Amino acid sequence: GIDHVGIGSDFDGIEVTPDGLDDISGMYLIFEEMRNRGYSEPEIEKVAGGNFLRLLNDVSSCSGE
C-alpha cells in the first residue's frame, strides 16, 4: 500500500519510458497524476521519498543494537 511504495529515478539501462518521463525532469508528472487521481499531499510525500526516509531511519536506528 501507500506506506510501502517509492519511486526511483534511475534511468540507466532502460530503453523505453512512459511519455514525458524521458529523464528526471518529468518526474513531477507522476505526482500531478497522483493528485488528479485523488491522492492526498501526505500520500504523495510518502511516495516521493518519505517512505524511503522512514525506512532508512528505521534501519539506521536498528544498526546500533
PDB file of N, CA and C in Angstrom:
ATOM      1  N   GLY A   1       0.805  -1.181   0.000  1.00  0.00           N
ATOM      2  CA  GLY A   1       0.000   0.000   0.000  1.00  0.00           C
ATOM      3  C   GLY A   1       0.859   1.260   0.000  1.00  0.00           C
ATOM      4  N   ILE A   2       0.240   2.358   0.220  1.00  0.00           N
ATOM      5  CA  ILE A   2       0.870   3.671   0.119  1.00  0.00           C
ATOM      6  C   ILE A   2       2.038   3.841   1.094  1.00  0.00           C
ATOM      7  N   ASP A   3       2.046   3.086   2.172  1.00  0.00           N
ATOM      8  CA  ASP A   3       3.145   3.181   3.145  1.00  0.00           C
ATOM      9  C   ASP A   3       4.373   2.385   2.740  1.00  0.00           C
ATOM     10  N   HIS A   4       4.296   1.671   1.625  1.00  0.00           N
ATOM     11  CA  HIS A   4       5.390   0.791   1.219  1.00  0.00           C
ATOM     12  C   HIS A   4       5.799   0.974  -0.245  1.00  0.00           C
ATOM     13  N   VAL A   5       5.500   2.132  -0.807  1.00  0.00           N
ATOM     14  CA  VAL A   5       5.790   2.400  -2.215  1.00  0.00           C
ATOM     15  C   VAL A   5       6.754   3.566  -2.323  1.00  0.00           C
ATOM     16  N   GLY A   6       7.673   3.467  -3.263  1.00  0.00           N
ATOM     17  CA  GLY A   6       8.583   4.568  -3.536  1.00  0.00           C
ATOM     18  C   GLY A   6       8.905   4.615  -5.010  1.00  0.00           C
ATOM     19  N   ILE A   7       9.362   5.757  -5.456  1.00  0.00           N
ATOM     20  CA  ILE A   7       9.699   5.926  -6.867  1.00  0.00           C
ATOM     21  C   ILE A   7      11.184   6.205  -6.977  1.00  0.00           C
ATOM     22  N   GLY A   8      11.854   5.429  -7.795  1.00  0.00           N
ATOM     23  CA  GLY A   8      13.267   5.650  -8.043  1.00  0.00           C
ATOM     24  C   GLY A   8      13.472   6.493  -9.285  1.00  0.00           C
ATOM     25  N   SER A   9      14.664   7.011  -9.424  1.00  0.00           N
ATOM     26  CA  SER A   9      14.935   7.891 -10.568  1.00  0.00           C
ATOM     27  C   SER A   9      16.124   7.405 -11.384  1.00  0.00           C
ATOM     28  N   ASP A  10      16.371   6.137 -11.365  1.00  0.00           N
ATOM     29  CA  ASP A  10      17.494   5.586 -12.115  1.00  0.00           C
ATOM     30  C   ASP A  10      17.025   5.218 -13.519  1.00  0.00           C
ATOM     31  N   PHE A  11      17.414   6.026 -14.486  1.00  0.00           N
ATOM     32  CA  PHE A  11      17.017   5.786 -15.865  1.00  0.00           C
ATOM     33  C   PHE A  11      18.083   5.028 -16.648  1.00  0.00           C
ATOM     34  N   ASP A  12      19.141   4.624 -15.976  1.00  0.00           N
ATOM     35  CA  ASP A  12      20.237   3.918 -16.640  1.00  0.00           C
ATOM     36  C   ASP A  12      19.806   2.507 -17.007  1.00  0.00           C
ATOM     37  N   GLY A  13      19.961   2.153 -18.256  1.00  0.00           N
ATOM     38  CA  GLY A  13      19.692   0.790 -18.680  1.00  0.00           C
ATOM     39  C   GLY A  13      18.290   0.518 -19.169  1.00  0.00           C
ATOM     40  N   ILE A  14      17.403   1.516 -19.174  1.00  0.00           N
ATOM     41  CA  ILE A  14      16.069   1.286 -19.723  1.00  0.00           C
ATOM     42  C   ILE A  14      15.999   1.893 -21.116  1.00  0.00           C
ATOM     43  N   GLU A  15      15.280   1.230 -21.975  1.00  0.00           N
ATOM     44  CA  GLU A  15      15.195   1.679 -23.357  1.00  0.00           C
ATOM     45  C   GLU A  15      13.895   2.402 -23.665  1.00  0.00           C
ATOM     46  N   VAL A  16      12.839   2.106 -22.929  1.00  0.00           N
ATOM     47  CA  VAL A  16      11.533   2.700 -23.187  1.00  0.00           C
ATOM     48  C   VAL A  16      11.027   3.322 -21.894  1.00  0.00           C
ATOM     49  N   THR A  17      10.533   4.541 -22.004  1.00  0.00           N
ATOM     50  CA  THR A  17       9.959   5.230 -20.850  1.00  0.00           C
ATOM     51  C   THR A  17       8.541   5.680 -21.186  1.00  0.00           C
ATOM     52  N   PRO A  18       7.703   5.898 -20.185  1.00  0.00           N
ATOM     53  CA  PRO A  18       6.379   6.464 -20.443  1.00  0.00           C
ATOM     54  C   PRO A  18       6.515   7.864 -21.050  1.00  0.00           C
ATOM     55  N   ASP A  19       5.521   8.298 -21.788  1.00  0.00           N
ATOM     56  CA  ASP A  19       5.531   9.635 -22.378  1.00  0.00           C
ATOM     57  C   ASP A  19       5.792  10.686 -21.310  1.00  0.00           C
ATOM     58  N   GLY A  20       6.747  11.562 -21.578  1.00  0.00           N
ATOM     59  CA  GLY A  20       7.066  12.648 -20.667  1.00  0.00           C
ATOM     60  C   GLY A  20       8.072  12.305 -19.596  1.00  0.00           C
ATOM     61  N   LEU A  21       8.449  11.029 -19.508  1.00  0.00           N
ATOM     62  CA  LEU A  21       9.398  10.605 -18.479  1.00  0.00           C
ATOM     63  C   LEU A  21      10.716  10.142 -19.108  1.00  0.00           C
ATOM     64  N   ASP A  22      11.203  10.945 -20.014  1.00  0.00           N
ATOM     65  CA  ASP A  22      12.461  10.614 -20.674  1.00  0.00           C
ATOM     66  C   ASP A  22      13.655  10.749 -19.743  1.00  0.00           C
ATOM     67  N   ASP A  23      13.509  11.571 -18.712  1.00  0.00           N
ATOM     68  CA  ASP A  23      14.563  11.771 -17.723  1.00  0.00           C
ATOM     69  C   ASP A  23      13.930  12.308 -16.439  1.00  0.00           C
ATOM     70  N   ILE A  24      14.746  12.637 -15.480  1.00  0.00           N
ATOM     71  CA  ILE A  24      14.272  13.067 -14.160  1.00  0.00           C
ATOM     72  C   ILE A  24      13.412  14.333 -14.212  1.00  0.00           C
ATOM     73  N   SER A  25      13.580  15.139 -15.255  1.00  0.00           N
ATOM     74  CA  SER A  25      12.843  16.401 -15.325  1.00  0.00           C
ATOM     75  C   SER A  25      11.332  16.191 -15.452  1.00  0.00           C
ATOM     76  N   GLY A  26      10.890  15.000 -15.830  1.00  0.00           N
ATOM     77  CA  GLY A  26       9.465  14.731 -15.942  1.00  0.00           C
ATOM     78  C   GLY A  26       8.859  14.044 -14.736  1.00  0.00           C
ATOM     79  N   MET A  27       9.645  13.831 -13.691  1.00  0.00           N
ATOM     80  CA  MET A  27       9.167  13.097 -12.518  1.00  0.00           C
ATOM     81  C   MET A  27       7.939  13.752 -11.879  1.00  0.00           C
ATOM     82  N   TYR A  28       7.856  15.069 -11.957  1.00  0.00           N
ATOM     83  CA  TYR A  28       6.712  15.767 -11.377  1.00  0.00           C
ATOM     84  C   TYR A  28       5.385  15.297 -11.985  1.00  0.00           C
ATOM     85  N   LEU A  29       5.415  14.781 -13.212  1.00  0.00           N
ATOM     86  CA  LEU A  29       4.191  14.318 -13.867  1.00  0.00           C
ATOM     87  C   LEU A  29       3.533  13.178 -13.097  1.00  0.00           C
ATOM     88  N   ILE A  30       4.340  12.346 -12.476  1.00  0.00           N
ATOM     89  CA  ILE A  30       3.793  11.250 -11.667  1.00  0.00           C
ATOM     90  C   ILE A  30       2.985  11.813 -10.508  1.00  0.00           C
ATOM     91  N   PHE A  31       3.525  12.826  -9.860  1.00  0.00           N
ATOM     92  CA  PHE A  31       2.856  13.390  -8.691  1.00  0.00           C
ATOM     93  C   PHE A  31       1.630  14.213  -9.091  1.00  0.00           C
ATOM     94  N   GLU A  32       1.688  14.859 -10.249  1.00  0.00           N
ATOM     95  CA  GLU A  32       0.498  15.554 -10.758  1.00  0.00           C
ATOM     96  C   GLU A  32      -0.617  14.558 -11.038  1.00  0.00           C
ATOM     97  N   GLU A  33      -0.262  13.426 -11.637  1.00  0.00           N
ATOM     98  CA  GLU A  33      -1.270  12.410 -11.924  1.00  0.00           C
ATOM     99  C   GLU A  33      -1.834  11.810 -10.636  1.00  0.00           C
ATOM    100  N   MET A  34      -0.994  11.647  -9.631  1.00  0.00           N
ATOM    101  CA  MET A  34      -1.500  11.156  -8.342  1.00  0.00           C
ATOM    102  C   MET A  34      -2.517  12.136  -7.770  1.00  0.00           C
ATOM    103  N   ARG A  35      -2.244  13.441  -7.858  1.00  0.00           N
ATOM    104  CA  ARG A  35      -3.212  14.448  -7.402  1.00  0.00           C
ATOM    105  C   ARG A  35      -4.516  14.329  -8.184  1.00  0.00           C
ATOM    106  N   ASN A  36      -4.401  14.180  -9.504  1.00  0.00           N
ATOM    107  CA  ASN A  36      -5.588  14.045 -10.349  1.00  0.00           C
ATOM    108  C   ASN A  36      -6.420  12.830  -9.965  1.00  0.00           C
ATOM    109  N   ARG A  37      -5.774  11.811  -9.439  1.00  0.00           N
ATOM    110  CA  ARG A  37      -6.479  10.582  -9.060  1.00  0.00           C
ATOM    111  C   ARG A  37      -6.929  10.576  -7.602  1.00  0.00           C
ATOM    112  N   GLY A  38      -6.756  11.716  -6.928  1.00  0.00           N
ATOM    113  CA  GLY A  38      -7.309  11.850  -5.585  1.00  0.00           C
ATOM    114  C   GLY A  38      -6.380  11.531  -4.434  1.00  0.00           C
ATOM    115  N   TYR A  39      -5.099  11.321  -4.702  1.00  0.00           N
ATOM    116  CA  TYR A  39      -4.160  11.087  -3.607  1.00  0.00           C
ATOM    117  C   TYR A  39      -3.936  12.391  -2.853  1.00  0.00           C
ATOM    118  N   SER A  40      -3.797  12.294  -1.550  1.00  0.00           N
ATOM    119  CA  SER A  40      -3.562  13.470  -0.711  1.00  0.00           C
ATOM    120  C   SER A  40      -2.083  13.858  -0.773  1.00  0.00           C
ATOM    121  N   GLU A  41      -1.780  15.080  -0.355  1.00  0.00           N
ATOM    122  CA  GLU A  41      -0.388  15.526  -0.338  1.00  0.00           C
ATOM    123  C   GLU A  41       0.473  14.661   0.592  1.00  0.00           C
ATOM    124  N   PRO A  42      -0.017  14.294   1.792  1.00  0.00           N
ATOM    125  CA  PRO A  42       0.796  13.396   2.625  1.00  0.00           C
ATOM    126  C   PRO A  42       1.068  12.045   1.957  1.00  0.00           C
ATOM    127  N   GLU A  43       0.118  11.519   1.201  1.00  0.00           N
ATOM    128  CA  GLU A  43       0.346  10.257   0.495  1.00  0.00           C
ATOM    129  C   GLU A  43       1.388  10.440  -0.603  1.00  0.00           C
ATOM    130  N   ILE A  44       1.311  11.538  -1.324  1.00  0.00           N
ATOM    131  CA  ILE A  44       2.278  11.818  -2.390  1.00  0.00           C
ATOM    132  C   ILE A  44       3.668  12.001  -1.794  1.00  0.00           C
ATOM    133  N   GLU A  45       3.750  12.668  -0.662  1.00  0.00           N
ATOM    134  CA  GLU A  45       5.045  12.862   0.002  1.00  0.00           C
ATOM    135  C   GLU A  45       5.669  11.524   0.388  1.00  0.00           C
ATOM    136  N   LYS A  46       4.855  10.575   0.805  1.00  0.00           N
ATOM    137  CA  LYS A  46       5.373   9.245   1.134  1.00  0.00           C
ATOM    138  C   LYS A  46       6.012   8.599  -0.083  1.00  0.00           C
ATOM    139  N   VAL A  47       5.319   8.633  -1.215  1.00  0.00           N
ATOM    140  CA  VAL A  47       5.818   8.009  -2.443  1.00  0.00           C
ATOM    141  C   VAL A  47       7.035   8.758  -2.981  1.00  0.00           C
ATOM    142  N   ALA A  48       7.035  10.079  -2.826  1.00  0.00           N
ATOM    143  CA  ALA A  48       8.112  10.912  -3.367  1.00  0.00           C
ATOM    144  C   ALA A  48       9.409  10.789  -2.589  1.00  0.00           C
ATOM    145  N   GLY A  49       9.401  10.151  -1.452  1.00  0.00           N
ATOM    146  CA  GLY A  49      10.643   9.981  -0.705  1.00  0.00           C
ATOM    147  C   GLY A  49      10.447   9.754   0.778  1.00  0.00           C
ATOM    148  N   GLY A  50       9.282  10.064   1.275  1.00  0.00           N
ATOM    149  CA  GLY A  50       9.019   9.900   2.701  1.00  0.00           C
ATOM    150  C   GLY A  50       9.145   8.463   3.172  1.00  0.00           C
ATOM    151  N   ASN A  51       8.644   7.522   2.384  1.00  0.00           N
ATOM    152  CA  ASN A  51       8.755   6.113   2.769  1.00  0.00           C
ATOM    153  C   ASN A  51      10.211   5.667   2.814  1.00  0.00           C
ATOM    154  N   PHE A  52      10.993   6.114   1.841  1.00  0.00           N
ATOM    155  CA  PHE A  52      12.414   5.772   1.824  1.00  0.00           C
ATOM    156  C   PHE A  52      13.122   6.345   3.051  1.00  0.00           C
ATOM    157  N   LEU A  53      12.842   7.595   3.380  1.00  0.00           N
ATOM    158  CA  LEU A  53      13.482   8.212   4.540  1.00  0.00           C
ATOM    159  C   LEU A  53      13.082   7.518   5.834  1.00  0.00           C
ATOM    160  N   ARG A  54      11.810   7.115   5.934  1.00  0.00           N
ATOM    161  CA  ARG A  54      11.347   6.391   7.122  1.00  0.00           C
ATOM    162  C   ARG A  54      12.082   5.062   7.246  1.00  0.00           C
ATOM    163  N   LEU A  55      12.202   4.340   6.138  1.00  0.00           N
ATOM    164  CA  LEU A  55      12.902   3.050   6.151  1.00  0.00           C
ATOM    165  C   LEU A  55      14.378   3.241   6.502  1.00  0.00           C
ATOM    166  N   LEU A  56      15.014   4.225   5.915  1.00  0.00           N
ATOM    167  CA  LEU A  56      16.408   4.499   6.198  1.00  0.00           C
ATOM    168  C   LEU A  56      16.601   4.823   7.684  1.00  0.00           C
ATOM    169  N   ASN A  57      15.707   5.602   8.235  1.00  0.00           N
ATOM    170  CA  ASN A  57      15.765   5.937   9.653  1.00  0.00           C
ATOM    171  C   ASN A  57      15.560   4.692  10.515  1.00  0.00           C
ATOM    172  N   ASP A  58      14.586   3.856  10.155  1.00  0.00           N
ATOM    173  CA  ASP A  58      14.332   2.623  10.905  1.00  0.00           C
ATOM    174  C   ASP A  58      15.571   1.711  10.904  1.00  0.00           C
ATOM    175  N   VAL A  59      16.178   1.552   9.739  1.00  0.00           N
ATOM    176  CA  VAL A  59      17.337   0.678   9.617  1.00  0.00           C
ATOM    177  C   VAL A  59      18.522   1.244  10.377  1.00  0.00           C
ATOM    178  N   SER A  60      18.754   2.546  10.254  1.00  0.00           N
ATOM    179  CA  SER A  60      19.913   3.141  10.932  1.00  0.00           C
ATOM    180  C   SER A  60      19.743   3.115  12.447  1.00  0.00           C
ATOM    181  N   SER A  61      18.509   3.202  12.943  1.00  0.00           N
ATOM    182  CA  SER A  61      18.319   3.151  14.392  1.00  0.00           C
ATOM    183  C   SER A  61      18.480   1.728  14.923  1.00  0.00           C
ATOM    184  N   CYS A  62      18.270   0.725  14.077  1.00  0.00           N
ATOM    185  CA  CYS A  62      18.468  -0.663  14.482  1.00  0.00           C
ATOM    186  C   CYS A  62      19.930  -1.102  14.400  1.00  0.00           C
ATOM    187  N   SER A  63      20.730  -0.421  13.607  1.00  0.00           N
ATOM    188  CA  SER A  63      22.098  -0.879  13.384  1.00  0.00           C
ATOM    189  C   SER A  63      22.975  -0.713  14.619  1.00  0.00           C
ATOM    190  N   GLY A  64      22.563   0.104  15.561  1.00  0.00           N
ATOM    191  CA  GLY A  64      23.342   0.305  16.775  1.00  0.00           C
ATOM    192  C   GLY A  64      23.054  -0.711  17.845  1.00  0.00           C
ATOM    193  N   GLU A  65      22.117  -1.582  17.618  1.00  0.00           N
ATOM    194  CA  GLU A  65      21.750  -2.581  18.641  1.00  0.00           C
ATOM    195  C   GLU A  65      22.609  -3.806  18.575  1.00  0.00           C
TER     196      GLU A  65
END
